[in-house]
């Protein structure tokens, strides 16, 4: 197969077949609610448009850029997760990635000056088995959430989000990878809520080393000056949960 040919679902299935099905990662992330016309200078959001206007960290170079679409299903148990800064989502993909789905448990450890420090436990699952796996609570992300909550969880889906992700991956001189993402999202509260559209700029690192964290903080400061607003301190699952009624008097 030529390198210029698009990947097929079979190509991706073969590439993932021998990789671990469970991942545990740390993440440091900043995000801003921004208007694409104001930030990018265009309503036509693309990775190339993001790259053109994005101030880079000192010495960083762009290594890849791409666009893809993902859908997330958010779950909770009477807001037990949201109340404890926890989240569970199922990530599903269209097109050639359609057989590649994940369950993500995410724990917000802290917000530090606009940066979300979190721990993420994920497991690859078959798309057609997502609801059964959640119902039976038989995978590591769910076991982890139950340990944190101290009881069995009975989870229901409360919202879905479909987002177009426009990504630019950067490499710093010391080899650390950062990524910037411009997300165009549409969230619906289940079962039949009206769609809510949002656009977000995110930057993130998955390294626990203090040196890239310092570089990430400096980059965030540059972007805050460029955008003119402070980073948002509400996660996407929390934003969806608020739409679905979390935190309301009712």
C-alpha atoms as a PDB file:
ATOM      1  CA  UNK A   1       0.000   0.000   0.000  1.00  0.00           C
ATOM      2  CA  UNK A   2       1.288   3.461  -0.864  1.00  0.00           C
ATOM      3  CA  UNK A   3       1.905   5.806   2.062  1.00  0.00           C
ATOM      4  CA  UNK A   4      -0.297   8.341   0.309  1.00  0.00           C
ATOM      5  CA  UNK A   5      -3.330   6.031   0.411  1.00  0.00           C
ATOM      6  CA  UNK A   6      -5.854   6.574   3.232  1.00  0.00           C
ATOM      7  CA  UNK A   7      -5.970   4.051   6.049  1.00  0.00           C
ATOM      8  CA  UNK A   8      -8.816   1.553   6.009  1.00  0.00           C
ATOM      9  CA  UNK A   9     -10.643   0.029   8.971  1.00  0.00           C
ATOM     10  CA  UNK A  10      -8.720  -3.214   8.359  1.00  0.00           C
ATOM     11  CA  UNK A  11      -5.385  -1.324   8.455  1.00  0.00           C
ATOM     12  CA  UNK A  12      -6.286   0.226  11.800  1.00  0.00           C
ATOM     13  CA  UNK A  13      -7.562  -3.062  13.226  1.00  0.00           C
ATOM     14  CA  UNK A  14      -4.259  -4.754  12.351  1.00  0.00           C
ATOM     15  CA  UNK A  15      -2.216  -1.890  13.805  1.00  0.00           C
ATOM     16  CA  UNK A  16      -4.123  -2.013  17.117  1.00  0.00           C
ATOM     17  CA  UNK A  17      -4.332  -5.808  17.422  1.00  0.00           C
ATOM     18  CA  UNK A  18      -1.131  -6.281  19.443  1.00  0.00           C
ATOM     19  CA  UNK A  19      -1.184  -3.040  21.414  1.00  0.00           C
ATOM     20  CA  UNK A  20      -2.296  -2.860  25.081  1.00  0.00           C
ATOM     21  CA  UNK A  21      -6.031  -2.598  25.623  1.00  0.00           C
ATOM     22  CA  UNK A  22      -5.655  -0.573  28.820  1.00  0.00           C
ATOM     23  CA  UNK A  23      -3.822   2.748  29.264  1.00  0.00           C
ATOM     24  CA  UNK A  24      -3.125   4.891  32.310  1.00  0.00           C
ATOM     25  CA  UNK A  25      -1.932   8.437  31.666  1.00  0.00           C
ATOM     26  CA  UNK A  26      -1.514  11.852  33.209  1.00  0.00           C
ATOM     27  CA  UNK A  27      -2.607  14.979  31.390  1.00  0.00           C
ATOM     28  CA  UNK A  28      -2.098  18.697  31.805  1.00  0.00           C
ATOM     29  CA  UNK A  29      -4.517  20.765  29.800  1.00  0.00           C
ATOM     30  CA  UNK A  30      -5.528  24.384  29.256  1.00  0.00           C
ATOM     31  CA  UNK A  31      -8.591  25.368  27.241  1.00  0.00           C
ATOM     32  CA  UNK A  32     -10.283  28.569  26.188  1.00  0.00           C
ATOM     33  CA  UNK A  33     -13.759  29.185  24.817  1.00  0.00           C
ATOM     34  CA  UNK A  34     -13.008  31.099  21.640  1.00  0.00           C
ATOM     35  CA  UNK A  35     -14.775  32.214  18.502  1.00  0.00           C
ATOM     36  CA  UNK A  36     -13.071  30.816  15.386  1.00  0.00           C
ATOM     37  CA  UNK A  37     -13.560  34.016  13.410  1.00  0.00           C
ATOM     38  CA  UNK A  38     -11.985  36.101  16.177  1.00  0.00           C
ATOM     39  CA  UNK A  39      -9.056  33.736  16.811  1.00  0.00           C
ATOM     40  CA  UNK A  40      -8.418  32.117  13.431  1.00  0.00           C
ATOM     41  CA  UNK A  41      -9.642  34.953  11.244  1.00  0.00           C
ATOM     42  CA  UNK A  42     -11.974  32.548   9.454  1.00  0.00           C
ATOM     43  CA  UNK A  43     -15.078  30.476  10.143  1.00  0.00           C
ATOM     44  CA  UNK A  44     -13.526  27.676   8.050  1.00  0.00           C
ATOM     45  CA  UNK A  45     -11.769  25.762  10.842  1.00  0.00           C
ATOM     46  CA  UNK A  46      -8.869  23.589   9.659  1.00  0.00           C
ATOM     47  CA  UNK A  47      -5.563  22.419  11.180  1.00  0.00           C
ATOM     48  CA  UNK A  48      -3.792  24.659   8.671  1.00  0.00           C
ATOM     49  CA  UNK A  49      -5.795  27.697   9.822  1.00  0.00           C
ATOM     50  CA  UNK A  50      -4.867  26.893  13.425  1.00  0.00           C
ATOM     51  CA  UNK A  51      -1.190  26.483  12.556  1.00  0.00           C
ATOM     52  CA  UNK A  52      -1.098  29.852  10.763  1.00  0.00           C
ATOM     53  CA  UNK A  53      -2.128  31.858  13.834  1.00  0.00           C
ATOM     54  CA  UNK A  54      -0.831  29.703  16.669  1.00  0.00           C
ATOM     55  CA  UNK A  55       2.134  31.184  18.576  1.00  0.00           C
ATOM     56  CA  UNK A  56       4.520  28.291  19.227  1.00  0.00           C
ATOM     57  CA  UNK A  57       6.588  27.572  22.334  1.00  0.00           C
ATOM     58  CA  UNK A  58      10.230  28.546  21.990  1.00  0.00           C
ATOM     59  CA  UNK A  59      12.071  26.141  19.690  1.00  0.00           C
ATOM     60  CA  UNK A  60       8.986  24.031  18.917  1.00  0.00           C
ATOM     61  CA  UNK A  61       8.337  22.626  15.460  1.00  0.00           C
ATOM     62  CA  UNK A  62       5.133  21.257  13.925  1.00  0.00           C
ATOM     63  CA  UNK A  63       5.383  17.511  13.318  1.00  0.00           C
ATOM     64  CA  UNK A  64       1.843  16.530  12.284  1.00  0.00           C
ATOM     65  CA  UNK A  65      -1.520  18.098  11.682  1.00  0.00           C
ATOM     66  CA  UNK A  66      -4.853  16.417  11.025  1.00  0.00           C
ATOM     67  CA  UNK A  67      -8.611  16.648  11.416  1.00  0.00           C
ATOM     68  CA  UNK A  68     -10.956  13.961  12.642  1.00  0.00           C
ATOM     69  CA  UNK A  69     -14.440  13.574  14.084  1.00  0.00           C
ATOM     70  CA  UNK A  70     -15.235  11.863  17.378  1.00  0.00           C
ATOM     71  CA  UNK A  71     -18.393  11.301  19.369  1.00  0.00           C
ATOM     72  CA  UNK A  72     -18.522  10.952  23.141  1.00  0.00           C
ATOM     73  CA  UNK A  73     -21.252   9.470  25.330  1.00  0.00           C
ATOM     74  CA  UNK A  74     -21.174  10.767  28.912  1.00  0.00           C
ATOM     75  CA  UNK A  75     -22.342   8.663  31.874  1.00  0.00           C
ATOM     76  CA  UNK A  76     -23.100   9.373  35.535  1.00  0.00           C
ATOM     77  CA  UNK A  77     -24.915   7.943  38.546  1.00  0.00           C
ATOM     78  CA  UNK A  78     -27.168  10.635  40.012  1.00  0.00           C
ATOM     79  CA  UNK A  79     -24.226  13.064  39.553  1.00  0.00           C
ATOM     80  CA  UNK A  80     -22.002  11.029  41.858  1.00  0.00           C
ATOM     81  CA  UNK A  81     -19.123  11.378  39.370  1.00  0.00           C
ATOM     82  CA  UNK A  82     -19.582  15.073  38.637  1.00  0.00           C
ATOM     83  CA  UNK A  83     -19.795  15.869  42.361  1.00  0.00           C
ATOM     84  CA  UNK A  84     -16.397  14.219  42.863  1.00  0.00           C
ATOM     85  CA  UNK A  85     -14.639  15.752  39.821  1.00  0.00           C
ATOM     86  CA  UNK A  86     -14.798  12.415  38.012  1.00  0.00           C
ATOM     87  CA  UNK A  87     -16.056  11.602  34.532  1.00  0.00           C
ATOM     88  CA  UNK A  88     -16.807   8.568  32.415  1.00  0.00           C
ATOM     89  CA  UNK A  89     -17.176   8.748  28.661  1.00  0.00           C
ATOM     90  CA  UNK A  90     -17.300   6.320  25.790  1.00  0.00           C
ATOM     91  CA  UNK A  91     -15.431   7.517  22.726  1.00  0.00           C
ATOM     92  CA  UNK A  92     -16.670   6.308  19.347  1.00  0.00           C
ATOM     93  CA  UNK A  93     -15.346   7.108  15.901  1.00  0.00           C
ATOM     94  CA  UNK A  94     -16.850   7.140  12.409  1.00  0.00           C
ATOM     95  CA  UNK A  95     -15.206   6.067   9.165  1.00  0.00           C
ATOM     96  CA  UNK A  96     -12.093   3.894   9.158  1.00  0.00           C
ATOM     97  CA  UNK A  97     -11.751   4.226  12.961  1.00  0.00           C
ATOM     98  CA  UNK A  98     -15.259   2.859  13.530  1.00  0.00           C
ATOM     99  CA  UNK A  99     -14.010  -0.330  15.234  1.00  0.00           C
ATOM    100  CA  UNK A 100     -11.820   1.638  17.658  1.00  0.00           C
ATOM    101  CA  UNK A 101     -13.731   2.716  20.775  1.00  0.00           C
ATOM    102  CA  UNK A 102     -12.611   3.486  24.305  1.00  0.00           C
ATOM    103  CA  UNK A 103     -14.043   3.924  27.763  1.00  0.00           C
ATOM    104  CA  UNK A 104     -12.300   6.759  29.610  1.00  0.00           C
ATOM    105  CA  UNK A 105     -12.422   7.351  33.344  1.00  0.00           C
ATOM    106  CA  UNK A 106     -10.959  10.755  34.116  1.00  0.00           C
ATOM    107  CA  UNK A 107     -10.160  12.176  37.527  1.00  0.00           C
ATOM    108  CA  UNK A 108      -9.509  15.888  37.856  1.00  0.00           C
ATOM    109  CA  UNK A 109      -6.757  16.132  40.453  1.00  0.00           C
ATOM    110  CA  UNK A 110      -6.659  19.930  40.542  1.00  0.00           C
ATOM    111  CA  UNK A 111      -7.049  23.147  38.624  1.00  0.00           C
ATOM    112  CA  UNK A 112      -3.847  25.195  38.943  1.00  0.00           C
ATOM    113  CA  UNK A 113      -4.061  28.702  37.454  1.00  0.00           C
ATOM    114  CA  UNK A 114      -6.310  27.456  34.671  1.00  0.00           C
ATOM    115  CA  UNK A 115      -4.475  24.177  34.046  1.00  0.00           C
ATOM    116  CA  UNK A 116      -6.401  20.962  34.590  1.00  0.00           C
ATOM    117  CA  UNK A 117      -4.179  18.243  36.023  1.00  0.00           C
ATOM    118  CA  UNK A 118      -5.864  14.884  35.624  1.00  0.00           C
ATOM    119  CA  UNK A 119      -5.417  11.137  35.652  1.00  0.00           C
ATOM    120  CA  UNK A 120      -6.944   9.084  32.863  1.00  0.00           C
ATOM    121  CA  UNK A 121      -7.662   5.337  32.873  1.00  0.00           C
ATOM    122  CA  UNK A 122      -8.908   3.978  29.552  1.00  0.00           C
ATOM    123  CA  UNK A 123      -9.803   0.621  28.067  1.00  0.00           C
ATOM    124  CA  UNK A 124     -10.431  -0.313  24.456  1.00  0.00           C
ATOM    125  CA  UNK A 125     -13.840  -1.908  23.913  1.00  0.00           C
ATOM    126  CA  UNK A 126     -15.862  -3.030  20.914  1.00  0.00           C
ATOM    127  CA  UNK A 127     -18.345  -0.291  19.942  1.00  0.00           C
ATOM    128  CA  UNK A 128     -21.296  -2.669  20.061  1.00  0.00           C
ATOM    129  CA  UNK A 129     -20.379  -3.708  23.627  1.00  0.00           C
ATOM    130  CA  UNK A 130     -20.112  -0.262  25.217  1.00  0.00           C
ATOM    131  CA  UNK A 131     -23.466  -0.214  26.997  1.00  0.00           C
ATOM    132  CA  UNK A 132     -23.128  -3.828  28.147  1.00  0.00           C
ATOM    133  CA  UNK A 133     -19.648  -3.183  29.571  1.00  0.00           C
ATOM    134  CA  UNK A 134     -20.897  -0.075  31.396  1.00  0.00           C
ATOM    135  CA  UNK A 135     -23.919  -1.933  32.741  1.00  0.00           C
ATOM    136  CA  UNK A 136     -21.837  -4.867  33.987  1.00  0.00           C
ATOM    137  CA  UNK A 137     -18.978  -2.645  35.280  1.00  0.00           C
ATOM    138  CA  UNK A 138     -16.361  -5.125  34.116  1.00  0.00           C
ATOM    139  CA  UNK A 139     -13.450  -3.024  32.951  1.00  0.00           C
ATOM    140  CA  UNK A 140     -10.637  -1.157  34.714  1.00  0.00           C
ATOM    141  CA  UNK A 141     -11.939   2.417  34.219  1.00  0.00           C
ATOM    142  CA  UNK A 142     -15.205   1.479  35.926  1.00  0.00           C
ATOM    143  CA  UNK A 143     -13.460  -0.445  38.688  1.00  0.00           C
ATOM    144  CA  UNK A 144     -11.278   2.604  39.315  1.00  0.00           C
ATOM    145  CA  UNK A 145     -14.277   4.940  39.554  1.00  0.00           C
ATOM    146  CA  UNK A 146     -16.046   2.618  41.969  1.00  0.00           C
ATOM    147  CA  UNK A 147     -13.000   2.493  44.230  1.00  0.00           C
ATOM    148  CA  UNK A 148     -12.896   6.292  44.298  1.00  0.00           C
ATOM    149  CA  UNK A 149     -16.638   6.565  44.981  1.00  0.00           C
ATOM    150  CA  UNK A 150     -16.640   3.772  47.574  1.00  0.00           C
ATOM    151  CA  UNK A 151     -19.687   1.972  46.185  1.00  0.00           C
ATOM    152  CA  UNK A 152     -21.184   0.314  43.125  1.00  0.00           C
ATOM    153  CA  UNK A 153     -22.144   2.682  40.360  1.00  0.00           C
ATOM    154  CA  UNK A 154     -25.311   2.390  38.311  1.00  0.00           C
ATOM    155  CA  UNK A 155     -24.542   4.521  35.303  1.00  0.00           C
ATOM    156  CA  UNK A 156     -26.841   6.113  32.770  1.00  0.00           C
ATOM    157  CA  UNK A 157     -25.949   8.078  29.652  1.00  0.00           C
ATOM    158  CA  UNK A 158     -26.936  11.728  30.063  1.00  0.00           C
ATOM    159  CA  UNK A 159     -25.445  13.512  27.017  1.00  0.00           C
ATOM    160  CA  UNK A 160     -23.567  13.064  23.776  1.00  0.00           C
ATOM    161  CA  UNK A 161     -21.039  15.337  22.141  1.00  0.00           C
ATOM    162  CA  UNK A 162     -19.828  15.180  18.563  1.00  0.00           C
ATOM    163  CA  UNK A 163     -16.714  17.186  17.877  1.00  0.00           C
ATOM    164  CA  UNK A 164     -14.577  18.004  14.904  1.00  0.00           C
ATOM    165  CA  UNK A 165     -10.993  18.053  16.186  1.00  0.00           C
ATOM    166  CA  UNK A 166      -8.391  20.107  14.322  1.00  0.00           C
ATOM    167  CA  UNK A 167      -5.022  19.082  15.753  1.00  0.00           C
ATOM    168  CA  UNK A 168      -1.477  20.366  15.477  1.00  0.00           C
ATOM    169  CA  UNK A 169       1.238  18.258  17.144  1.00  0.00           C
ATOM    170  CA  UNK A 170       4.439  20.002  18.218  1.00  0.00           C
ATOM    171  CA  UNK A 171       7.861  18.748  19.242  1.00  0.00           C
ATOM    172  CA  UNK A 172      10.012  20.744  21.652  1.00  0.00           C
ATOM    173  CA  UNK A 173      13.818  20.772  21.352  1.00  0.00           C
ATOM    174  CA  UNK A 174      14.078  18.216  24.185  1.00  0.00           C
ATOM    175  CA  UNK A 175      11.737  15.816  22.354  1.00  0.00           C
ATOM    176  CA  UNK A 176       8.605  16.443  24.423  1.00  0.00           C
ATOM    177  CA  UNK A 177       5.352  16.456  22.445  1.00  0.00           C
ATOM    178  CA  UNK A 178       2.622  19.064  22.899  1.00  0.00           C
ATOM    179  CA  UNK A 179      -0.614  19.327  21.007  1.00  0.00           C
ATOM    180  CA  UNK A 180      -2.985  22.153  20.213  1.00  0.00           C
ATOM    181  CA  UNK A 181      -6.556  21.402  19.226  1.00  0.00           C
ATOM    182  CA  UNK A 182      -9.358  23.579  17.930  1.00  0.00           C
ATOM    183  CA  UNK A 183     -12.597  21.713  18.673  1.00  0.00           C
ATOM    184  CA  UNK A 184     -15.964  22.452  17.104  1.00  0.00           C
ATOM    185  CA  UNK A 185     -18.464  20.658  19.343  1.00  0.00           C
ATOM    186  CA  UNK A 186     -22.187  19.947  19.388  1.00  0.00           C
ATOM    187  CA  UNK A 187     -23.666  18.595  22.632  1.00  0.00           C
ATOM    188  CA  UNK A 188     -27.124  17.126  23.137  1.00  0.00           C
ATOM    189  CA  UNK A 189     -28.691  16.232  26.460  1.00  0.00           C
ATOM    190  CA  UNK A 190     -30.326  12.823  26.254  1.00  0.00           C
ATOM    191  CA  UNK A 191     -32.857  11.752  25.230  1.00  0.00           C
ATOM    192  CA  UNK A 192     -33.939  14.684  23.038  1.00  0.00           C
ATOM    193  CA  UNK A 193     -32.290  17.942  24.111  1.00  0.00           C
ATOM    194  CA  UNK A 194     -31.634  20.771  21.694  1.00  0.00           C
ATOM    195  CA  UNK A 195     -28.051  20.896  20.346  1.00  0.00           C
ATOM    196  CA  UNK A 196     -25.616  23.326  21.954  1.00  0.00           C
ATOM    197  CA  UNK A 197     -22.634  24.388  19.827  1.00  0.00           C
ATOM    198  CA  UNK A 198     -19.302  25.442  21.325  1.00  0.00           C
ATOM    199  CA  UNK A 199     -15.771  26.025  20.060  1.00  0.00           C
ATOM    200  CA  UNK A 200     -12.651  25.475  22.132  1.00  0.00           C
ATOM    201  CA  UNK A 201      -8.918  25.950  21.844  1.00  0.00           C
ATOM    202  CA  UNK A 202      -6.968  23.404  23.900  1.00  0.00           C
ATOM    203  CA  UNK A 203      -3.288  22.824  24.552  1.00  0.00           C
ATOM    204  CA  UNK A 204      -2.001  19.810  26.437  1.00  0.00           C
ATOM    205  CA  UNK A 205       0.886  17.652  27.510  1.00  0.00           C
ATOM    206  CA  UNK A 206       0.934  14.072  28.773  1.00  0.00           C
ATOM    207  CA  UNK A 207       4.350  14.281  30.406  1.00  0.00           C
ATOM    208  CA  UNK A 208       4.775  14.316  34.192  1.00  0.00           C
ATOM    209  CA  UNK A 209       8.234  15.924  33.858  1.00  0.00           C
ATOM    210  CA  UNK A 210       8.440  19.398  35.397  1.00  0.00           C
ATOM    211  CA  UNK A 211      10.375  20.896  32.476  1.00  0.00           C
ATOM    212  CA  UNK A 212       7.639  20.464  29.840  1.00  0.00           C
ATOM    213  CA  UNK A 213       5.087  21.583  32.430  1.00  0.00           C
ATOM    214  CA  UNK A 214       6.956  24.847  32.751  1.00  0.00           C
ATOM    215  CA  UNK A 215       6.996  25.217  28.983  1.00  0.00           C
ATOM    216  CA  UNK A 216       3.262  24.455  28.825  1.00  0.00           C
ATOM    217  CA  UNK A 217       2.515  27.088  31.472  1.00  0.00           C
ATOM    218  CA  UNK A 218       4.580  29.668  29.571  1.00  0.00           C
ATOM    219  CA  UNK A 219       2.788  28.798  26.315  1.00  0.00           C
ATOM    220  CA  UNK A 220      -0.578  29.145  28.048  1.00  0.00           C
ATOM    221  CA  UNK A 221       0.395  32.599  29.304  1.00  0.00           C
ATOM    222  CA  UNK A 222       1.245  33.641  25.750  1.00  0.00           C
ATOM    223  CA  UNK A 223      -2.091  32.344  24.471  1.00  0.00           C
ATOM    224  CA  UNK A 224      -4.041  34.037  27.254  1.00  0.00           C
ATOM    225  CA  UNK A 225      -2.474  37.348  26.238  1.00  0.00           C
ATOM    226  CA  UNK A 226      -3.240  36.614  22.582  1.00  0.00           C
ATOM    227  CA  UNK A 227      -6.882  35.610  23.203  1.00  0.00           C
ATOM    228  CA  UNK A 228      -7.621  38.210  25.860  1.00  0.00           C
ATOM    229  CA  UNK A 229      -9.507  35.909  28.267  1.00  0.00           C
ATOM    230  CA  UNK A 230      -8.417  33.574  31.031  1.00  0.00           C
ATOM    231  CA  UNK A 231      -8.515  29.790  30.506  1.00  0.00           C
ATOM    232  CA  UNK A 232     -11.831  28.128  31.228  1.00  0.00           C
ATOM    233  CA  UNK A 233     -11.992  25.989  34.375  1.00  0.00           C
ATOM    234  CA  UNK A 234     -14.959  23.787  33.511  1.00  0.00           C
ATOM    235  CA  UNK A 235     -14.247  20.441  31.845  1.00  0.00           C
ATOM    236  CA  UNK A 236     -16.276  19.273  28.856  1.00  0.00           C
ATOM    237  CA  UNK A 237     -18.028  16.529  30.882  1.00  0.00           C
ATOM    238  CA  UNK A 238     -18.918  19.135  33.530  1.00  0.00           C
ATOM    239  CA  UNK A 239     -20.212  21.466  30.827  1.00  0.00           C
ATOM    240  CA  UNK A 240     -22.408  18.656  29.455  1.00  0.00           C
ATOM    241  CA  UNK A 241     -23.544  17.723  32.980  1.00  0.00           C
ATOM    242  CA  UNK A 242     -24.596  21.315  33.657  1.00  0.00           C
ATOM    243  CA  UNK A 243     -26.672  21.296  30.496  1.00  0.00           C
ATOM    244  CA  UNK A 244     -28.301  18.101  31.779  1.00  0.00           C
ATOM    245  CA  UNK A 245     -29.146  19.618  35.162  1.00  0.00           C
ATOM    246  CA  UNK A 246     -26.141  19.024  37.415  1.00  0.00           C
ATOM    247  CA  UNK A 247     -25.854  21.801  39.955  1.00  0.00           C
ATOM    248  CA  UNK A 248     -29.357  23.128  39.358  1.00  0.00           C
ATOM    249  CA  UNK A 249     -31.811  23.580  42.225  1.00  0.00           C
ATOM    250  CA  UNK A 250     -34.180  21.160  40.527  1.00  0.00           C
END
